């Protein structure tokens, strides 16, 4: 029996999203920009799908622009957000534990003459609000911080950072990569208070190839992709209607975020309790996100543990699926020792994860520990 526990890398497409994609491919297949009947039907579906995602985020549909993925949304927000504000200064605040889509965009901005302050995380991978307060300057024009860390589950208090920036009179834009938080934690665009929010479909049981960027009403952000006038002139290219329709359907099918979170948190707690009891070397990172468990068996290589579990059809990951080779920059920034990092595994839960999946994981890790200890 398969036990898929790599949901922070990607999720299985839910039936509702698959049906919506199929309908968009085979029935409502017109170009939303066309003026004939099929085009108007596609435009109606586009508007309905945007409204579904916007409702899940708690924003106006006009504030949501569809993209190809979370990385595109991050690139657009960081690169063009900084460019939009450069007349007011050149200082940017981010962190050492961001996704590479933000980290590498920041490298580009530094090459253009911007100054970037990269804050250190706490032990969970979150960025303390006070660290942002200490780093804010009159010439700060952009703050970009991840809401839920994709490797540890650390939660940065974006709402408190937004309020801090307003109290201090900061002119800076606030961007958050909410890819790992959307439909996992209860929040809205209003409660976060960010100017830009990055989302991704394939983390919430929609297909790969679709994301979104929330752009607060009134913010003029230059298009990242030039061409036609799609997405109200903000993002060129014919809309990927099957993926967009599926994204909307996945949002609508997700159910109650609080209830789903409570279920995942209970499963995560069960895994921690059992592994702590059965494996003396077991270590894990305390984090509030209910769906991400970063654990380690120091002295055992994560690749070996993963192969051991894969032979039993249990699927986890080493760190971020986007990172190929090398040690996790996130776990290094937290200050973990080399042995703990080298034995680290990320377990990603979803609303479809069950107790049988967690028990299978615990059994496999215990078997791996006992087998490898005597090999």
Protein backbone atom coordinates (compact mmCIF):
# COMPACT_ATOMS: atom_id res chain seq x y z
CA UNK A 1 0.00 0.00 0.00
CA UNK A 2 1.31 3.44 -0.95
CA UNK A 3 1.85 6.02 1.81
CA UNK A 4 2.47 9.44 0.28
CA UNK A 5 3.99 11.86 2.80
CA UNK A 6 5.70 14.37 0.50
CA UNK A 7 2.78 16.78 0.27
CA UNK A 8 4.98 19.82 0.85
CA UNK A 9 6.66 19.03 -2.47
CA UNK A 10 3.40 18.43 -4.33
CA UNK A 11 -0.03 16.98 -3.73
CA UNK A 12 -2.18 14.45 -5.53
CA UNK A 13 -4.82 16.20 -7.64
CA UNK A 14 -8.22 15.88 -5.96
CA UNK A 15 -11.16 14.48 -7.97
CA UNK A 16 -12.94 17.85 -8.09
CA UNK A 17 -9.89 19.56 -9.60
CA UNK A 18 -9.32 16.74 -12.10
CA UNK A 19 -12.93 16.97 -13.29
CA UNK A 20 -12.68 20.75 -13.64
CA UNK A 21 -9.49 20.45 -15.69
CA UNK A 22 -11.02 17.80 -17.94
CA UNK A 23 -14.11 19.93 -18.53
CA UNK A 24 -11.94 22.92 -19.45
CA UNK A 25 -9.95 20.77 -21.90
CA UNK A 26 -12.85 19.00 -23.58
CA UNK A 27 -15.97 21.16 -23.19
CA UNK A 28 -15.16 24.77 -22.27
CA UNK A 29 -12.02 24.90 -24.38
CA UNK A 30 -12.30 28.32 -26.02
CA UNK A 31 -9.79 31.13 -25.58
CA UNK A 32 -11.09 33.53 -22.90
CA UNK A 33 -10.02 36.45 -25.09
CA UNK A 34 -12.16 35.30 -28.04
CA UNK A 35 -15.50 37.03 -28.50
CA UNK A 36 -17.49 34.10 -29.90
CA UNK A 37 -19.66 31.78 -27.81
CA UNK A 38 -16.88 29.35 -26.82
CA UNK A 39 -14.63 32.26 -25.90
CA UNK A 40 -17.34 33.84 -23.76
CA UNK A 41 -17.93 30.51 -22.02
CA UNK A 42 -14.22 30.26 -21.25
CA UNK A 43 -14.17 33.84 -19.94
CA UNK A 44 -17.10 33.01 -17.67
CA UNK A 45 -15.18 30.00 -16.33
CA UNK A 46 -12.06 32.14 -15.85
CA UNK A 47 -14.02 34.69 -13.84
CA UNK A 48 -15.68 31.98 -11.74
CA UNK A 49 -12.35 30.28 -11.02
CA UNK A 50 -10.74 33.57 -10.03
CA UNK A 51 -13.65 34.23 -7.69
CA UNK A 52 -13.16 30.80 -6.06
CA UNK A 53 -9.47 31.37 -5.36
CA UNK A 54 -10.11 34.95 -4.26
CA UNK A 55 -12.80 33.76 -1.83
CA UNK A 56 -10.35 31.28 -0.33
CA UNK A 57 -7.77 34.06 0.12
CA UNK A 58 -10.31 36.61 1.28
CA UNK A 59 -9.61 39.22 -1.36
CA UNK A 60 -11.35 40.87 -4.30
CA UNK A 61 -11.11 38.88 -7.56
CA UNK A 62 -9.57 41.97 -9.18
CA UNK A 63 -6.61 41.67 -6.79
CA UNK A 64 -5.68 38.16 -7.98
CA UNK A 65 -3.54 37.49 -11.06
CA UNK A 66 -2.98 33.91 -12.26
CA UNK A 67 0.63 32.84 -12.90
CA UNK A 68 2.34 29.60 -13.88
CA UNK A 69 3.56 28.74 -10.35
CA UNK A 70 4.61 30.07 -6.97
CA UNK A 71 8.14 30.71 -8.21
CA UNK A 72 6.88 33.03 -10.93
CA UNK A 73 4.74 34.85 -8.37
CA UNK A 74 7.77 35.24 -6.08
CA UNK A 75 10.01 36.47 -8.90
CA UNK A 76 7.41 38.98 -10.03
CA UNK A 77 6.74 40.34 -6.55
CA UNK A 78 10.38 40.66 -5.54
CA UNK A 79 11.96 41.90 -8.78
CA UNK A 80 9.22 44.25 -9.92
CA UNK A 81 8.21 45.24 -6.42
CA UNK A 82 11.72 46.54 -5.81
CA UNK A 83 11.84 48.27 -9.19
CA UNK A 84 8.50 49.97 -8.50
CA UNK A 85 9.90 51.48 -5.30
CA UNK A 86 13.52 52.23 -6.24
CA UNK A 87 13.00 55.99 -6.38
CA UNK A 88 12.30 55.90 -2.65
CA UNK A 89 15.37 53.91 -1.64
CA UNK A 90 17.32 50.75 -2.25
CA UNK A 91 17.15 48.67 0.94
CA UNK A 92 15.38 45.30 1.08
CA UNK A 93 14.71 43.03 4.07
CA UNK A 94 14.38 39.27 3.67
CA UNK A 95 15.80 36.22 5.42
CA UNK A 96 18.34 33.42 5.21
CA UNK A 97 15.61 30.77 4.96
CA UNK A 98 13.53 31.86 1.97
CA UNK A 99 12.68 29.66 -1.01
CA UNK A 100 15.20 29.85 -3.83
CA UNK A 101 12.63 31.71 -5.95
CA UNK A 102 13.07 34.63 -3.55
CA UNK A 103 16.74 34.08 -2.71
CA UNK A 104 17.89 34.10 -6.31
CA UNK A 105 15.68 37.07 -7.18
CA UNK A 106 17.37 38.93 -4.33
CA UNK A 107 20.78 38.03 -5.77
CA UNK A 108 19.69 39.65 -9.04
CA UNK A 109 18.60 42.79 -7.22
CA UNK A 110 21.94 42.98 -5.42
CA UNK A 111 23.68 42.83 -8.79
CA UNK A 112 21.58 45.85 -9.78
CA UNK A 113 22.77 47.85 -6.78
CA UNK A 114 20.07 47.15 -4.19
CA UNK A 115 21.14 46.37 -0.63
CA UNK A 116 19.63 43.25 0.98
CA UNK A 117 19.52 42.48 4.69
CA UNK A 118 18.97 38.75 5.25
CA UNK A 119 17.64 38.08 8.73
CA UNK A 120 18.44 34.95 10.73
CA UNK A 121 15.59 32.65 11.81
CA UNK A 122 14.68 31.38 15.23
CA UNK A 123 14.89 27.67 16.04
CA UNK A 124 11.71 26.88 14.11
CA UNK A 125 12.71 28.65 10.90
CA UNK A 126 10.48 31.66 11.55
CA UNK A 127 11.67 35.27 11.49
CA UNK A 128 11.14 37.20 14.75
CA UNK A 129 9.11 40.39 14.43
CA UNK A 130 11.70 42.27 16.47
CA UNK A 131 14.40 41.33 13.96
CA UNK A 132 12.38 43.07 11.26
CA UNK A 133 11.88 46.09 13.53
CA UNK A 134 15.62 46.32 14.11
CA UNK A 135 16.38 46.08 10.38
CA UNK A 136 13.83 48.64 9.12
CA UNK A 137 15.37 51.83 7.77
CA UNK A 138 13.99 54.99 6.15
CA UNK A 139 15.25 53.72 2.78
CA UNK A 140 13.71 50.23 3.15
CA UNK A 141 11.44 49.71 0.13
CA UNK A 142 10.57 45.99 0.27
CA UNK A 143 10.18 43.31 2.93
CA UNK A 144 9.83 39.74 1.61
CA UNK A 145 9.35 36.95 4.15
CA UNK A 146 7.85 33.49 3.86
CA UNK A 147 4.69 32.85 5.89
CA UNK A 148 5.31 29.13 6.54
CA UNK A 149 8.81 27.80 6.03
CA UNK A 150 8.72 25.04 3.44
CA UNK A 151 11.28 22.85 5.22
CA UNK A 152 10.55 23.28 8.92
CA UNK A 153 6.97 24.51 9.26
CA UNK A 154 8.08 27.61 11.14
CA UNK A 155 5.42 30.35 10.98
CA UNK A 156 6.45 33.99 10.63
CA UNK A 157 3.94 36.47 12.02
CA UNK A 158 3.34 38.45 8.83
CA UNK A 159 0.33 40.20 10.33
CA UNK A 160 2.42 41.57 13.21
CA UNK A 161 5.14 42.63 10.78
CA UNK A 162 2.56 44.47 8.67
CA UNK A 163 1.27 46.31 11.75
CA UNK A 164 4.84 47.11 12.82
CA UNK A 165 5.59 48.61 9.41
CA UNK A 166 2.45 50.74 9.50
CA UNK A 167 3.18 51.98 13.04
CA UNK A 168 6.72 52.94 12.08
CA UNK A 169 5.52 54.83 9.02
CA UNK A 170 7.52 52.58 6.70
CA UNK A 171 6.99 53.17 2.99
CA UNK A 172 8.11 49.63 2.14
CA UNK A 173 6.02 47.06 0.32
CA UNK A 174 5.40 43.78 2.14
CA UNK A 175 5.50 40.52 0.20
CA UNK A 176 4.96 37.05 1.63
CA UNK A 177 5.44 33.68 -0.01
CA UNK A 178 2.33 31.91 1.31
CA UNK A 179 2.69 28.82 -0.89
CA UNK A 180 3.06 26.46 2.09
CA UNK A 181 0.43 28.27 4.17
CA UNK A 182 -2.49 28.65 1.77
CA UNK A 183 -5.42 26.41 2.75
CA UNK A 184 -3.29 24.98 5.58
CA UNK A 185 -3.48 27.85 8.08
CA UNK A 186 -6.45 30.17 8.58
CA UNK A 187 -5.62 33.60 7.19
CA UNK A 188 -6.87 36.14 4.69
CA UNK A 189 -5.25 38.85 2.62
CA UNK A 190 -6.75 41.39 5.03
CA UNK A 191 -5.53 39.62 8.18
CA UNK A 192 -1.99 39.36 6.80
CA UNK A 193 -1.87 42.97 5.64
CA UNK A 194 0.64 42.20 2.89
CA UNK A 195 0.80 44.10 -0.39
CA UNK A 196 1.69 40.96 -2.38
CA UNK A 197 1.01 37.28 -1.60
CA UNK A 198 2.32 34.33 -3.62
CA UNK A 199 0.20 31.17 -4.02
CA UNK A 200 0.60 27.84 -5.81
CA UNK A 201 -2.01 25.36 -7.00
CA UNK A 202 -0.14 22.07 -6.74
CA UNK A 203 0.31 22.41 -2.98
CA UNK A 204 -3.47 22.26 -2.42
CA UNK A 205 -4.48 19.32 -4.68
CA UNK A 206 -4.65 21.26 -7.96
CA UNK A 207 -2.35 20.40 -10.88
CA UNK A 208 1.15 21.72 -11.37
CA UNK A 209 1.50 24.71 -13.67
CA UNK A 210 -0.72 27.26 -11.96
CA UNK A 211 -0.16 29.83 -9.25
CA UNK A 212 -1.38 33.29 -8.36
CA UNK A 213 -0.12 36.60 -7.09
CA UNK A 214 -2.28 38.76 -4.88
CA UNK A 215 -1.59 42.42 -5.66
CA UNK A 216 -3.31 44.81 -3.28
CA UNK A 217 -5.68 47.24 -4.96
CA UNK A 218 -3.86 50.48 -5.77
CA UNK A 219 -0.41 48.91 -6.16
CA UNK A 220 0.95 49.46 -9.65
CA UNK A 221 3.22 46.53 -10.44
CA UNK A 222 4.80 46.31 -13.88
CA UNK A 223 3.94 43.12 -15.79
CA UNK A 224 6.51 40.35 -15.47
CA UNK A 225 5.59 38.76 -18.82
CA UNK A 226 5.01 41.08 -21.77
CA UNK A 227 2.66 40.45 -24.67
CA UNK A 228 -1.11 40.54 -24.93
CA UNK A 229 -3.58 42.14 -22.58
CA UNK A 230 -4.58 39.06 -20.60
CA UNK A 231 -5.19 39.26 -16.84
CA UNK A 232 -6.30 42.91 -17.17
CA UNK A 233 -3.00 43.74 -18.83
CA UNK A 234 -0.95 42.50 -15.89
CA UNK A 235 0.27 39.11 -17.13
CA UNK A 236 0.51 38.29 -20.83
CA UNK A 237 -0.15 34.88 -22.35
CA UNK A 238 -3.33 32.93 -22.96
CA UNK A 239 -4.64 31.77 -19.59
CA UNK A 240 -4.02 28.10 -18.76
CA UNK A 241 -7.69 27.37 -18.31
CA UNK A 242 -7.53 23.66 -17.31
CA UNK A 243 -5.10 24.45 -14.49
CA UNK A 244 -6.93 27.62 -13.47
CA UNK A 245 -10.31 25.87 -13.36
CA UNK A 246 -8.73 23.08 -11.30
CA UNK A 247 -7.16 25.61 -8.92
CA UNK A 248 -10.56 27.15 -8.26
CA UNK A 249 -12.19 23.75 -7.81
CA UNK A 250 -9.47 22.64 -5.39
CA UNK A 251 -10.03 25.74 -3.28
CA UNK A 252 -13.77 25.11 -3.17
CA UNK A 253 -13.30 21.42 -2.33
CA UNK A 254 -10.77 21.98 0.45
CA UNK A 255 -13.33 22.10 3.24
CA UNK A 256 -12.78 23.74 6.62
CA UNK A 257 -9.18 24.90 7.02
CA UNK A 258 -9.34 24.85 10.83
CA UNK A 259 -10.73 21.30 10.94
CA UNK A 260 -8.21 20.03 8.39
CA UNK A 261 -5.41 21.71 10.34
CA UNK A 262 -6.53 20.14 13.61
CA UNK A 263 -6.54 16.68 12.00
CA UNK A 264 -3.05 17.13 10.57
CA UNK A 265 -1.74 18.56 13.84
CA UNK A 266 -3.01 15.49 15.70
CA UNK A 267 -1.31 13.17 13.21
CA UNK A 268 1.92 15.15 13.48
CA UNK A 269 1.78 14.98 17.29
CA UNK A 270 1.17 11.22 17.10
CA UNK A 271 4.25 10.75 14.92
CA UNK A 272 6.40 12.81 17.28
CA UNK A 273 5.18 10.94 20.36
CA UNK A 274 5.70 7.49 18.85
CA UNK A 275 9.08 8.18 17.28
CA UNK A 276 10.34 9.88 20.45
CA UNK A 277 9.37 6.77 22.40
CA UNK A 278 10.72 4.17 19.99
CA UNK A 279 13.92 5.74 18.64
CA UNK A 280 16.32 7.25 21.22
CA UNK A 281 18.22 9.26 18.59
CA UNK A 282 15.08 10.83 17.12
CA UNK A 283 15.14 14.62 16.83
CA UNK A 284 12.63 17.03 15.35
CA UNK A 285 12.11 20.74 14.88
CA UNK A 286 9.31 22.24 16.97
CA UNK A 287 7.08 24.21 14.62
CA UNK A 288 3.45 25.36 14.69
CA UNK A 289 2.47 24.48 11.11
CA UNK A 290 0.27 21.37 11.32
CA UNK A 291 1.35 19.82 8.02
CA UNK A 292 5.17 19.91 8.03
CA UNK A 293 7.35 17.74 10.26
CA UNK A 294 11.11 18.11 9.94
CA UNK A 295 12.74 15.18 11.71
CA UNK A 296 16.21 13.67 11.91
CA UNK A 297 18.03 10.54 12.97
CA UNK A 298 21.54 11.95 13.52
CA UNK A 299 24.14 9.46 12.36
CA UNK A 300 21.86 7.94 9.73
CA UNK A 301 22.03 9.43 6.23
CA UNK A 302 18.71 10.81 5.02
CA UNK A 303 19.22 9.31 1.55
CA UNK A 304 19.60 5.85 3.06
CA UNK A 305 16.50 6.29 5.23
CA UNK A 306 14.49 7.54 2.27
CA UNK A 307 15.54 4.57 0.12
CA UNK A 308 14.65 2.20 2.96
CA UNK A 309 11.18 3.72 3.19
CA UNK A 310 10.65 3.93 -0.55
CA UNK A 311 11.13 0.16 -0.75
CA UNK A 312 8.06 0.01 1.50
CA UNK A 313 6.13 2.52 -0.67
CA UNK A 314 6.50 5.33 1.85
CA UNK A 315 7.43 8.61 0.18
CA UNK A 316 9.06 11.55 1.98
CA UNK A 317 11.74 14.05 1.01
CA UNK A 318 15.11 15.24 2.20
CA UNK A 319 14.29 18.96 2.24
CA UNK A 320 12.80 21.20 -0.42
CA UNK A 321 12.09 19.26 -3.63
CA UNK A 322 13.42 22.27 -5.57
CA UNK A 323 16.86 21.85 -3.99
CA UNK A 324 19.17 19.42 -5.75
CA UNK A 325 22.15 18.26 -3.72
CA UNK A 326 24.00 20.03 -0.93
CA UNK A 327 22.92 20.65 2.62
CA UNK A 328 19.72 22.52 3.39
CA UNK A 329 20.41 26.27 3.70
CA UNK A 330 17.39 26.46 6.00
CA UNK A 331 18.65 23.89 8.51
CA UNK A 332 22.12 25.43 8.39
CA UNK A 333 20.68 28.88 9.12
CA UNK A 334 18.78 27.49 12.12
CA UNK A 335 22.13 26.31 13.47
CA UNK A 336 21.70 22.53 13.43
CA UNK A 337 24.85 20.44 13.48
CA UNK A 338 26.05 18.59 10.39
CA UNK A 339 24.99 15.15 11.64
CA UNK A 340 21.45 16.29 12.31
CA UNK A 341 21.18 17.99 8.92
CA UNK A 342 22.58 14.96 7.11
CA UNK A 343 19.95 12.75 8.75
CA UNK A 344 17.05 15.14 8.18
CA UNK A 345 13.79 14.17 6.48
CA UNK A 346 10.75 16.32 5.71
CA UNK A 347 7.32 14.75 6.19
CA UNK A 348 4.49 16.61 4.46
CA UNK A 349 0.87 15.94 5.42
CA UNK A 350 -2.34 16.87 3.61
CA UNK A 351 -6.06 16.70 4.32
CA UNK A 352 -5.99 13.19 2.79
CA UNK A 353 -3.29 11.87 5.15
CA UNK A 354 -4.53 9.20 7.55
CA UNK A 355 -3.31 7.53 10.73
CA UNK A 356 -2.32 4.46 8.70
CA UNK A 357 0.17 6.63 6.78
CA UNK A 358 1.74 7.95 9.97
CA UNK A 359 1.92 4.50 11.55
CA UNK A 360 3.57 3.12 8.41
CA UNK A 361 6.13 5.94 8.57
CA UNK A 362 6.90 5.24 12.23
CA UNK A 363 7.26 1.49 11.66
CA UNK A 364 9.56 2.02 8.69
CA UNK A 365 11.80 4.50 10.52
CA UNK A 366 12.04 2.15 13.50
CA UNK A 367 12.88 -0.78 11.20
CA UNK A 368 15.43 1.33 9.36
CA UNK A 369 17.02 2.43 12.61
CA UNK A 370 17.22 -1.11 13.97
CA UNK A 371 18.41 -2.66 10.69
CA UNK A 372 21.06 -0.06 9.93
CA UNK A 373 22.26 0.02 13.54
CA UNK A 374 23.23 -3.64 13.27
CA UNK A 375 24.53 -3.62 9.70
